[in-house]
Amino acid sequence: MDELLLGIDMGTGSSKGVLSTPDGRIVATAARSHAMSLPRPGWAEVDAEAVWWNDVTSLARELVGRSSGARIAGVCVSGVGPCLVLCTADVQPVRPAILYGIDTRATAEIEGLTDRFGADEVLRRCGKALSSQAVGPKLLWARRNEPASWQRTARWYSSSSFITARLSGEYVLDHLTASQCDPMYDIHARDWNREWADEVAGGLPLPQLAWSGEVVGKVTGRAAAETGLAEGTPVSAGTVDAWAEAFSAGVREPGDLMVMYGSTAFFVGLLTEPRADPVLWTTAGVEPGTYTLAAGMATSGSLTGWLQELVGGVAYEQLVEEASQVPPGSEGLMMLPYFAGERTPHFDSRARGVVAGLSLRHGRGHLFRAAYEGIAFGTRQILELLDDDGPPARLIAVGGGTQSPLWTQIVSDVSGREQAIPKETIGASYGDALLAGIGVGLLEPGTNWSRISHTVTPDDSTRDVYDSLYETYLELYPATRPHVHQLAQLQEQTLPS
């Protein structure tokens, strides 16, 4: 075992690391749990120093210690995104990181920038409409609302590029993440739209662009002392966690589509050419010259976690067992899973969760199954939007939620789709290790470590009940939206200052 590859991913609820051999064999794994902060309705933040950097240094030290003296040939880091980390010139955060689309604070800036540049022109140049997933409006929000922090800001990062900078000292952003910094990146030119970027970023320098696996620097002496990595270890650019996970799962050809069962739900499919879509996200891909089409729900596993806490921390396995005893349709109980607003397809920061049909005879098993079914209905809605270019040839399910056979079965039953489950479910950190190996030249660019374990197939006996309830699901959001918006506004008004 002469050389190893290190991949680290910073997810919404935890950070994970993996040491792998160049042929994809896993030598060691490690994880650190953490939490995001929700200081106000619509806000989602993380202390980049105390959470992300501490997680990375801790994981790196542990895994280097378990390397049996083998050389770490390369390191690559992914993270939730796209995020906004405002930093001083020496890469010290000036405020907590503003998270991806679940942070919806920049509503006014989204509207203002859309008016400023024109909705059609934004869609044409960026491949998607401005939404809470875009970094540009959040940069503008920070300029307008936090002048003291802005005055200290010299550079801006996403989660992975912040870590790359701390490891190597380089100010670099991968193309995929940059293509979600709308309206600052031109999807067709695969470069910064400098006119718009200079206006939005208020004169802050733009990071150099690189592809996700590309080696952009080496571990500095200071970073080596903190991480245990050898000084001079090559560092790849990294990327957003969902795309690193798709890469790890073998989403490498047009027609492949990843469904990620995480704290949020995410969808990534490969495109041959960029496609402009007002409710989906066209991005640059992980590999040079590629494109992807993506979508995301604001809550998924975080909703089941909330329910588990709500019922007193009952073991997850117990809740799943109780939910499995409830028939399809949860005996007339339906849940809209918009507990943190919603991204695709509504892009509604004031959407809220709705539990419809609740009666005194329903128990926690009904609620838990209704949550699974609500997420599944949302998944079906997104899959149908992604079908515009034809249904995907292969749907690959990844993420921690795939460890729940009930959840994956419900999604297949509701959507009518087969799902291939990879044998290796470590996730984005495994994709990071693969990217590191490609970046340093140990592996050919087309190397694919993914192997399929089994396939989940729809149960045809549930089709009629779920098709009927899906129509109700589609009607429930517009029917309740005015009332839910009123309640969301009340939540905002009653927030302590």
Protein backbone atom coordinates (compact mmCIF):
# COMPACT_ATOMS: atom_id res chain seq x y z
CA MET A 1 0.00 0.00 0.00
CA ASP A 2 2.33 2.69 -1.31
CA GLU A 3 -0.07 5.58 -1.98
CA LEU A 4 -3.49 6.60 -0.71
CA LEU A 5 -6.06 9.23 -1.66
CA LEU A 6 -7.88 11.42 0.87
CA GLY A 7 -11.39 12.72 0.30
CA ILE A 8 -13.32 14.85 2.79
CA ASP A 9 -16.88 16.12 2.48
CA MET A 10 -18.67 18.68 4.67
CA GLY A 11 -22.37 17.89 4.57
CA THR A 12 -25.34 19.59 6.18
CA GLY A 13 -25.33 17.39 9.29
CA SER A 14 -21.85 15.91 9.35
CA SER A 15 -18.43 15.84 7.75
CA LYS A 16 -16.98 12.56 6.47
CA GLY A 17 -13.57 11.49 5.32
CA VAL A 18 -12.24 8.45 3.48
CA LEU A 19 -8.82 7.03 2.70
CA SER A 20 -8.79 4.96 -0.45
CA THR A 21 -6.32 3.08 -2.56
CA PRO A 22 -6.08 4.09 -6.23
CA ASP A 23 -8.27 1.11 -7.18
CA GLY A 24 -11.11 2.34 -4.95
CA ARG A 25 -10.58 0.03 -1.99
CA ILE A 26 -11.49 1.77 1.25
CA VAL A 27 -8.75 1.76 3.88
CA ALA A 28 -10.37 3.92 6.56
CA THR A 29 -13.33 6.22 7.14
CA ALA A 30 -14.17 8.80 9.80
CA ALA A 31 -17.01 11.20 10.53
CA ARG A 32 -17.82 14.25 12.66
CA SER A 33 -21.36 15.40 13.44
CA HIS A 34 -22.23 19.07 13.42
CA ALA A 35 -25.24 21.34 13.16
CA MET A 36 -26.15 24.39 11.17
CA SER A 37 -27.54 27.52 12.78
CA LEU A 38 -31.04 28.85 12.01
CA PRO A 39 -30.88 32.29 13.66
CA ARG A 40 -33.93 33.72 11.90
CA PRO A 41 -36.72 32.37 9.68
CA GLY A 42 -35.24 31.85 6.24
CA TRP A 43 -31.62 32.00 7.45
CA ALA A 44 -29.25 29.02 7.50
CA GLU A 45 -25.64 29.49 8.55
CA VAL A 46 -22.51 27.63 9.65
CA ASP A 47 -19.44 28.88 11.51
CA ALA A 48 -16.89 28.07 8.80
CA GLU A 49 -13.94 28.16 11.20
CA ALA A 50 -15.42 26.33 14.18
CA VAL A 51 -17.30 23.72 12.14
CA TRP A 52 -15.84 23.19 8.67
CA TRP A 53 -12.16 23.87 9.29
CA ASN A 54 -12.17 22.07 12.64
CA ASP A 55 -13.93 19.08 11.07
CA VAL A 56 -11.42 18.93 8.22
CA THR A 57 -8.36 19.20 10.46
CA SER A 58 -9.76 16.61 12.88
CA LEU A 59 -10.69 14.15 10.14
CA ALA A 60 -7.38 14.61 8.35
CA ARG A 61 -5.37 14.00 11.52
CA GLU A 62 -7.38 10.86 12.31
CA LEU A 63 -7.12 9.41 8.82
CA VAL A 64 -3.44 10.25 8.37
CA GLY A 65 -2.92 8.44 11.66
CA ARG A 66 -4.62 5.38 10.19
CA SER A 67 -2.66 5.38 6.94
CA SER A 68 0.01 2.97 8.24
CA GLY A 69 2.66 5.34 6.95
CA ALA A 70 1.49 5.24 3.34
CA ARG A 71 1.96 8.48 1.39
CA ILE A 72 -1.14 10.59 0.83
CA ALA A 73 -0.82 11.26 -2.90
CA GLY A 74 -3.59 13.85 -3.10
CA VAL A 75 -6.48 15.44 -1.23
CA CYS A 76 -9.80 16.83 -2.43
CA VAL A 77 -12.60 18.41 -0.37
CA SER A 78 -16.26 18.98 -1.18
CA GLY A 79 -18.95 20.69 0.84
CA VAL A 80 -22.50 21.91 0.94
CA GLY A 81 -23.12 24.57 -1.61
CA PRO A 82 -23.14 26.89 -3.17
CA CYS A 83 -22.43 28.87 0.01
CA LEU A 84 -21.01 32.29 0.74
CA VAL A 85 -18.03 32.63 3.07
CA LEU A 86 -16.80 36.23 3.37
CA CYS A 87 -13.17 36.37 4.49
CA THR A 88 -10.28 38.68 5.17
CA ALA A 89 -7.16 38.55 2.98
CA ASP A 90 -5.68 35.85 5.23
CA VAL A 91 -8.82 33.64 4.87
CA GLN A 92 -10.39 34.44 8.24
CA PRO A 93 -14.22 34.48 8.08
CA VAL A 94 -15.79 37.82 8.96
CA ARG A 95 -19.25 36.34 9.62
CA PRO A 96 -20.91 32.90 9.58
CA ALA A 97 -21.16 31.23 6.19
CA ILE A 98 -24.48 31.76 4.41
CA LEU A 99 -25.71 28.40 3.18
CA TYR A 100 -27.12 27.25 -0.14
CA GLY A 101 -30.77 27.34 -1.27
CA ILE A 102 -32.23 26.63 2.17
CA ASP A 103 -31.12 30.15 3.14
CA THR A 104 -33.73 32.44 1.62
CA ARG A 105 -32.80 35.82 3.08
CA ALA A 106 -31.95 37.48 -0.25
CA THR A 107 -35.47 37.59 -1.70
CA ALA A 108 -35.36 41.32 -2.41
CA GLU A 109 -31.94 41.01 -4.05
CA ILE A 110 -33.15 38.17 -6.29
CA GLU A 111 -36.00 40.34 -7.48
CA GLY A 112 -33.78 43.39 -7.90
CA LEU A 113 -31.06 41.62 -9.89
CA THR A 114 -33.66 39.92 -12.08
CA ASP A 115 -35.14 43.33 -12.88
CA ARG A 116 -31.70 44.86 -13.34
CA PHE A 117 -30.35 42.35 -15.85
CA GLY A 118 -33.63 41.01 -17.25
CA ALA A 119 -35.18 37.63 -16.52
CA ASP A 120 -34.76 36.37 -20.09
CA GLU A 121 -31.14 37.46 -20.29
CA VAL A 122 -30.30 35.89 -16.92
CA LEU A 123 -31.91 32.64 -18.06
CA ARG A 124 -30.03 32.73 -21.35
CA ARG A 125 -26.58 33.48 -19.92
CA CYS A 126 -26.80 31.53 -16.66
CA GLY A 127 -29.01 28.64 -17.77
CA LYS A 128 -31.44 29.18 -14.90
CA ALA A 129 -33.47 31.83 -13.13
CA LEU A 130 -32.16 33.57 -10.04
CA SER A 131 -33.29 31.82 -6.86
CA SER A 132 -32.22 31.24 -3.27
CA GLN A 133 -29.69 28.75 -4.68
CA ALA A 134 -27.71 31.58 -6.29
CA VAL A 135 -24.71 33.18 -4.57
CA GLY A 136 -24.90 36.56 -6.31
CA PRO A 137 -27.98 37.85 -4.46
CA LYS A 138 -26.43 36.81 -1.14
CA LEU A 139 -23.30 38.79 -1.91
CA LEU A 140 -25.48 41.80 -2.62
CA TRP A 141 -27.46 41.18 0.58
CA ALA A 142 -24.26 41.23 2.62
CA ARG A 143 -23.14 44.48 0.99
CA ARG A 144 -26.46 46.15 1.79
CA ASN A 145 -27.17 44.78 5.23
CA GLU A 146 -23.83 44.18 6.93
CA PRO A 147 -21.52 47.06 5.99
CA ALA A 148 -19.15 46.40 8.89
CA SER A 149 -18.56 42.81 7.79
CA TRP A 150 -18.35 43.86 4.16
CA GLN A 151 -15.69 46.45 4.94
CA ARG A 152 -13.47 43.69 6.36
CA THR A 153 -14.06 41.37 3.38
CA ALA A 154 -11.24 40.91 0.88
CA ARG A 155 -12.27 37.63 -0.74
CA TRP A 156 -15.30 35.37 -0.96
CA TYR A 157 -15.49 31.59 -1.00
CA SER A 158 -17.86 28.66 -1.03
CA SER A 159 -17.49 25.87 1.53
CA SER A 160 -15.04 23.72 -0.42
CA SER A 161 -13.02 26.62 -1.82
CA PHE A 162 -12.65 28.02 1.72
CA ILE A 163 -11.03 24.75 2.79
CA THR A 164 -8.92 24.61 -0.38
CA ALA A 165 -7.65 28.10 0.44
CA ARG A 166 -6.87 27.15 4.04
CA LEU A 167 -4.99 24.07 2.86
CA SER A 168 -3.07 25.61 -0.03
CA GLY A 169 -3.33 29.38 0.20
CA GLU A 170 -4.83 29.50 -3.30
CA TYR A 171 -7.87 31.60 -4.24
CA VAL A 172 -9.63 29.20 -6.60
CA LEU A 173 -13.22 28.18 -7.32
CA ASP A 174 -14.27 25.16 -9.34
CA HIS A 175 -16.36 25.73 -12.46
CA LEU A 176 -19.34 23.80 -11.10
CA THR A 177 -19.64 25.95 -7.98
CA ALA A 178 -18.94 29.11 -9.97
CA SER A 179 -21.80 28.25 -12.31
CA GLN A 180 -24.10 28.49 -9.29
CA CYS A 181 -22.84 31.95 -8.39
CA ASP A 182 -25.48 33.47 -10.65
CA PRO A 183 -25.62 35.92 -12.26
CA MET A 184 -21.82 36.15 -12.27
CA TYR A 185 -20.93 33.10 -14.43
CA ASP A 186 -21.67 32.62 -18.14
CA ILE A 187 -22.65 28.96 -18.63
CA HIS A 188 -21.90 29.05 -22.37
CA ALA A 189 -18.48 30.72 -22.13
CA ARG A 190 -17.60 28.66 -19.01
CA ASP A 191 -16.11 31.81 -17.54
CA TRP A 192 -16.99 34.75 -15.34
CA ASN A 193 -19.46 37.22 -16.78
CA ARG A 194 -17.18 39.96 -15.58
CA GLU A 195 -19.48 42.90 -16.26
CA TRP A 196 -22.23 41.48 -14.07
CA ALA A 197 -19.82 39.95 -11.58
CA ASP A 198 -18.01 43.21 -10.90
CA GLU A 199 -21.32 44.94 -10.28
CA VAL A 200 -22.71 42.23 -7.99
CA ALA A 201 -19.51 41.56 -6.03
CA GLY A 202 -18.84 45.25 -5.51
CA GLY A 203 -15.28 45.12 -6.80
CA LEU A 204 -14.13 42.09 -4.80
CA PRO A 205 -11.62 40.04 -6.79
CA LEU A 206 -12.98 36.95 -8.50
CA PRO A 207 -11.33 33.61 -7.77
CA GLN A 208 -9.41 31.79 -10.46
CA LEU A 209 -11.49 29.06 -12.11
CA ALA A 210 -10.50 25.39 -12.21
CA TRP A 211 -12.14 22.01 -12.78
CA SER A 212 -13.03 20.03 -9.69
CA GLY A 213 -10.26 17.42 -9.89
CA GLU A 214 -7.60 19.82 -11.10
CA VAL A 215 -4.62 20.22 -8.76
CA VAL A 216 -4.58 23.90 -7.78
CA GLY A 217 -1.97 24.01 -5.04
CA LYS A 218 -0.09 22.17 -2.32
CA VAL A 219 -0.57 21.85 1.42
CA THR A 220 1.29 24.70 3.14
CA GLY A 221 3.49 24.31 6.18
CA ARG A 222 0.87 25.91 8.39
CA ALA A 223 -1.89 23.65 7.08
CA ALA A 224 0.38 20.62 7.45
CA ALA A 225 0.87 21.42 11.12
CA GLU A 226 -2.90 21.62 11.66
CA THR A 227 -3.98 18.64 9.56
CA GLY A 228 -1.14 16.14 9.85
CA LEU A 229 -0.86 16.06 6.05
CA ALA A 230 2.63 16.29 4.61
CA GLU A 231 3.65 19.72 3.43
CA GLY A 232 3.48 19.78 -0.37
CA THR A 233 0.61 17.27 -0.68
CA PRO A 234 -1.29 18.13 -3.90
CA VAL A 235 -4.72 19.74 -3.35
CA SER A 236 -7.49 19.50 -5.95
CA ALA A 237 -10.07 22.25 -6.42
CA GLY A 238 -13.02 20.32 -4.97
CA THR A 239 -16.69 21.02 -5.55
CA VAL A 240 -20.25 20.90 -4.16
CA ASP A 241 -21.10 17.78 -2.18
CA ALA A 242 -24.09 16.59 -4.23
CA TRP A 243 -22.05 16.56 -7.43
CA ALA A 244 -19.12 14.80 -5.75
CA GLU A 245 -21.62 12.20 -4.57
CA ALA A 246 -23.04 11.83 -8.07
CA PHE A 247 -19.49 11.36 -9.34
CA SER A 248 -18.86 8.66 -6.73
CA ALA A 249 -22.07 6.87 -7.74
CA GLY A 250 -21.11 6.63 -11.39
CA VAL A 251 -23.28 9.42 -12.81
CA ARG A 252 -20.91 9.90 -15.70
CA GLU A 253 -22.96 9.56 -18.90
CA PRO A 254 -25.93 11.51 -20.35
CA GLY A 255 -29.06 9.70 -19.17
CA ASP A 256 -27.64 9.01 -15.70
CA LEU A 257 -29.54 10.73 -12.87
CA MET A 258 -28.68 10.77 -9.18
CA VAL A 259 -31.32 11.08 -6.46
CA MET A 260 -29.64 11.93 -3.16
CA TYR A 261 -31.39 11.04 0.09
CA GLY A 262 -29.73 13.47 2.47
CA SER A 263 -30.75 16.17 4.92
CA THR A 264 -32.14 17.76 1.79
CA ALA A 265 -33.03 15.91 -1.41
CA PHE A 266 -30.96 16.62 -4.47
CA PHE A 267 -31.01 15.54 -8.11
CA VAL A 268 -28.14 15.66 -10.61
CA GLY A 269 -28.29 14.49 -14.23
CA LEU A 270 -25.72 14.70 -17.02
CA LEU A 271 -26.33 16.88 -20.10
CA THR A 272 -24.52 17.03 -23.42
CA GLU A 273 -25.36 20.73 -23.86
CA PRO A 274 -26.57 23.44 -21.46
CA ARG A 275 -30.34 23.69 -21.14
CA ALA A 276 -32.04 26.88 -19.97
CA ASP A 277 -34.89 26.09 -17.60
CA PRO A 278 -36.73 28.49 -15.27
CA VAL A 279 -37.32 25.91 -12.51
CA LEU A 280 -34.23 23.68 -12.82
CA TRP A 281 -30.52 24.45 -12.46
CA THR A 282 -28.13 24.05 -15.35
CA THR A 283 -24.54 23.99 -14.15
CA ALA A 284 -21.08 23.24 -15.35
CA GLY A 285 -20.10 19.67 -14.53
CA VAL A 286 -17.41 18.10 -12.39
CA GLU A 287 -15.34 16.99 -15.39
CA PRO A 288 -13.95 19.41 -17.98
CA GLY A 289 -16.42 20.45 -20.64
CA THR A 290 -19.46 18.76 -19.06
CA TYR A 291 -22.84 20.10 -17.97
CA THR A 292 -25.46 18.96 -15.48
CA LEU A 293 -29.13 19.61 -14.81
CA ALA A 294 -30.06 19.71 -11.14
CA ALA A 295 -32.90 20.29 -8.71
CA GLY A 296 -33.31 20.25 -4.96
CA MET A 297 -35.86 20.04 -2.18
CA ALA A 298 -35.28 22.10 0.96
CA THR A 299 -36.05 19.31 3.44
CA SER A 300 -35.73 15.54 3.32
CA GLY A 301 -33.83 13.68 6.02
CA SER A 302 -33.96 16.81 8.16
CA LEU A 303 -37.74 16.38 8.29
CA THR A 304 -37.57 12.81 9.56
CA GLY A 305 -34.94 13.94 12.07
CA TRP A 306 -37.26 16.69 13.28
CA LEU A 307 -40.10 14.19 13.70
CA GLN A 308 -37.84 11.84 15.64
CA GLU A 309 -36.94 14.64 18.02
CA LEU A 310 -40.57 15.76 18.25
CA VAL A 311 -41.70 12.36 19.52
CA GLY A 312 -39.07 12.25 22.22
CA GLY A 313 -36.08 10.75 20.47
CA VAL A 314 -37.64 7.35 19.81
CA ALA A 315 -35.16 5.13 17.98
CA TYR A 316 -35.22 5.67 14.25
CA GLU A 317 -35.58 1.94 13.64
CA GLN A 318 -38.69 1.88 15.81
CA LEU A 319 -40.29 4.73 13.87
CA VAL A 320 -39.51 3.02 10.57
CA GLU A 321 -41.05 -0.19 11.85
CA GLU A 322 -44.21 1.63 12.94
CA ALA A 323 -44.39 3.43 9.60
CA SER A 324 -44.03 0.12 7.75
CA GLN A 325 -47.19 -1.14 9.49
CA VAL A 326 -49.19 1.81 8.11
CA PRO A 327 -50.75 1.16 4.67
CA PRO A 328 -49.85 3.24 1.59
CA GLY A 329 -51.51 6.64 1.84
CA SER A 330 -51.02 6.76 5.63
CA GLU A 331 -54.75 6.20 6.11
CA GLY A 332 -55.70 9.58 4.72
CA LEU A 333 -52.80 11.62 6.10
CA MET A 334 -50.72 13.84 3.80
CA MET A 335 -47.74 16.07 4.46
CA LEU A 336 -46.27 18.90 2.40
CA PRO A 337 -42.57 18.72 3.33
CA TYR A 338 -41.92 22.45 3.02
CA PHE A 339 -40.72 22.94 6.60
CA ALA A 340 -37.82 25.16 5.48
CA GLY A 341 -39.53 26.74 2.49
CA GLU A 342 -39.10 24.94 -0.82
CA ARG A 343 -36.66 25.03 -3.68
CA THR A 344 -37.65 23.13 -6.84
CA PRO A 345 -40.20 23.70 -8.28
CA HIS A 346 -41.78 26.48 -6.20
CA PHE A 347 -38.78 28.54 -5.05
CA ASP A 348 -40.95 29.82 -2.26
CA SER A 349 -39.12 31.01 0.85
CA ARG A 350 -42.45 31.41 2.68
CA ALA A 351 -43.70 27.90 1.96
CA ARG A 352 -44.24 25.97 5.17
CA GLY A 353 -45.07 22.42 6.16
CA VAL A 354 -48.69 21.33 5.98
CA VAL A 355 -50.15 18.22 7.61
CA ALA A 356 -53.57 17.53 6.07
CA GLY A 357 -56.13 14.97 7.16
CA LEU A 358 -54.81 14.57 10.71
CA SER A 359 -57.22 12.86 13.09
CA LEU A 360 -57.14 11.55 16.65
CA ARG A 361 -56.65 8.01 15.40
CA HIS A 362 -53.39 8.82 13.65
CA GLY A 363 -50.19 8.01 15.51
CA ARG A 364 -46.51 8.72 15.13
CA GLY A 365 -46.12 5.85 12.62
CA HIS A 366 -48.68 7.58 10.38
CA LEU A 367 -46.79 10.87 10.65
CA PHE A 368 -43.48 9.22 9.88
CA ARG A 369 -44.87 7.42 6.83
CA ALA A 370 -46.64 10.59 5.67
CA ALA A 371 -43.28 12.38 5.81
CA TYR A 372 -41.70 9.69 3.64
CA GLU A 373 -44.63 9.90 1.23
CA GLY A 374 -44.56 13.70 1.11
CA ILE A 375 -40.87 13.64 0.20
CA ALA A 376 -41.65 10.94 -2.39
CA PHE A 377 -44.42 13.04 -3.96
CA GLY A 378 -42.00 15.97 -4.18
CA THR A 379 -39.44 13.65 -5.76
CA ARG A 380 -41.96 12.51 -8.36
CA GLN A 381 -42.82 16.11 -9.20
CA ILE A 382 -39.14 16.91 -9.81
CA LEU A 383 -38.52 13.75 -11.81
CA GLU A 384 -41.36 14.69 -14.12
CA LEU A 385 -39.77 18.10 -14.70
CA LEU A 386 -36.44 16.44 -15.47
CA ASP A 387 -38.20 14.18 -17.99
CA ASP A 388 -38.54 16.96 -20.54
CA ASP A 389 -35.53 15.59 -22.41
CA GLY A 390 -36.85 12.05 -21.95
CA PRO A 391 -36.86 9.87 -18.82
CA PRO A 392 -33.37 9.06 -17.50
CA ALA A 393 -31.91 5.77 -18.67
CA ARG A 394 -30.66 5.04 -15.17
CA LEU A 395 -31.72 6.44 -11.81
CA ILE A 396 -29.09 5.99 -9.10
CA ALA A 397 -30.09 6.53 -5.46
CA VAL A 398 -27.44 7.60 -2.94
CA GLY A 399 -27.16 9.11 0.53
CA GLY A 400 -27.84 7.99 4.06
CA GLY A 401 -31.55 7.62 3.40
CA THR A 402 -30.89 4.69 1.07
CA GLN A 403 -30.15 2.66 4.20
CA SER A 404 -33.91 2.74 4.86
CA PRO A 405 -35.51 0.14 2.57
CA LEU A 406 -38.95 1.53 3.41
CA TRP A 407 -38.05 5.03 2.22
CA THR A 408 -36.54 3.95 -1.07
CA GLN A 409 -39.46 1.58 -1.69
CA ILE A 410 -41.99 4.38 -1.10
CA VAL A 411 -40.14 6.63 -3.55
CA SER A 412 -40.16 3.90 -6.21
CA ASP A 413 -43.84 3.16 -5.56
CA VAL A 414 -44.88 6.82 -5.73
CA SER A 415 -42.73 7.67 -8.76
CA GLY A 416 -43.04 4.39 -10.64
CA ARG A 417 -39.26 4.39 -11.16
CA GLU A 418 -36.60 1.78 -10.55
CA GLN A 419 -33.65 2.91 -8.45
CA ALA A 420 -30.17 1.41 -8.61
CA ILE A 421 -28.41 1.41 -5.22
CA PRO A 422 -24.59 1.47 -5.34
CA LYS A 423 -22.66 -1.07 -3.31
CA GLU A 424 -20.52 1.67 -1.79
CA THR A 425 -22.59 4.30 0.02
CA ILE A 426 -19.90 6.44 1.64
CA GLY A 427 -20.93 9.29 -0.63
CA ALA A 428 -19.28 12.54 -1.60
CA SER A 429 -15.99 11.93 0.22
CA TYR A 430 -15.51 8.80 -1.91
CA GLY A 431 -16.04 10.92 -5.02
CA ASP A 432 -13.51 13.41 -3.65
CA ALA A 433 -10.90 10.67 -3.30
CA LEU A 434 -11.57 9.62 -6.90
CA LEU A 435 -11.22 13.23 -8.07
CA ALA A 436 -7.94 13.53 -6.14
CA GLY A 437 -6.61 10.41 -7.85
CA ILE A 438 -7.55 11.70 -11.29
CA GLY A 439 -6.10 15.11 -10.48
CA VAL A 440 -2.67 13.83 -9.50
CA GLY A 441 -2.54 11.47 -12.48
CA LEU A 442 -2.78 8.18 -10.62
CA LEU A 443 -6.07 7.41 -12.40
CA GLU A 444 -7.38 7.88 -15.91
CA PRO A 445 -10.11 10.55 -16.21
CA GLY A 446 -12.75 7.94 -17.10
CA THR A 447 -12.12 5.81 -14.00
CA ASN A 448 -15.37 4.75 -12.31
CA TRP A 449 -15.32 3.09 -8.88
CA SER A 450 -19.10 2.59 -8.60
CA ARG A 451 -20.66 -0.88 -8.44
CA ILE A 452 -24.42 -1.47 -8.13
CA SER A 453 -25.59 -3.51 -5.12
CA HIS A 454 -29.29 -3.96 -5.92
CA THR A 455 -32.27 -2.36 -7.62
CA VAL A 456 -35.50 -1.15 -5.97
CA THR A 457 -38.53 -1.79 -8.19
CA PRO A 458 -42.04 -0.28 -7.84
CA ASP A 459 -44.81 -2.32 -6.24
CA ASP A 460 -47.60 -2.15 -8.82
CA SER A 461 -50.25 -2.83 -6.16
CA THR A 462 -49.72 0.68 -4.73
CA ARG A 463 -49.99 2.53 -8.04
CA ASP A 464 -53.68 3.46 -7.92
CA VAL A 465 -53.63 4.85 -4.38
CA TYR A 466 -50.44 6.82 -4.96
CA ASP A 467 -51.53 8.19 -8.35
CA SER A 468 -54.73 9.47 -6.74
CA LEU A 469 -52.93 10.99 -3.77
CA TYR A 470 -50.32 12.60 -6.04
CA GLU A 471 -53.06 14.67 -7.64
CA THR A 472 -54.13 15.79 -4.16
CA TYR A 473 -50.51 16.64 -3.34
CA LEU A 474 -50.21 18.84 -6.43
CA GLU A 475 -53.41 20.70 -5.49
CA LEU A 476 -52.58 21.16 -1.81
CA TYR A 477 -49.75 23.67 -2.20
CA PRO A 478 -51.62 26.26 -4.32
CA ALA A 479 -54.75 25.78 -2.19
CA THR A 480 -52.93 26.55 1.07
CA ARG A 481 -50.28 28.99 -0.18
CA PRO A 482 -52.05 32.27 0.74
CA HIS A 483 -52.75 31.06 4.25
CA VAL A 484 -49.28 29.61 4.74
CA HIS A 485 -47.68 32.85 3.51
CA GLN A 486 -49.73 34.78 6.04
CA LEU A 487 -48.51 32.50 8.81
CA ALA A 488 -44.92 32.74 7.60
CA GLN A 489 -45.18 36.52 7.70
CA LEU A 490 -46.48 36.31 11.25
CA GLN A 491 -43.47 34.16 12.18
CA GLU A 492 -41.16 36.82 10.79
CA GLN A 493 -42.97 39.63 12.60
CA THR A 494 -42.86 37.90 15.98
CA LEU A 495 -39.14 37.10 15.76
CA PRO A 496 -37.15 38.75 18.59
CA SER A 497 -34.90 41.50 17.28
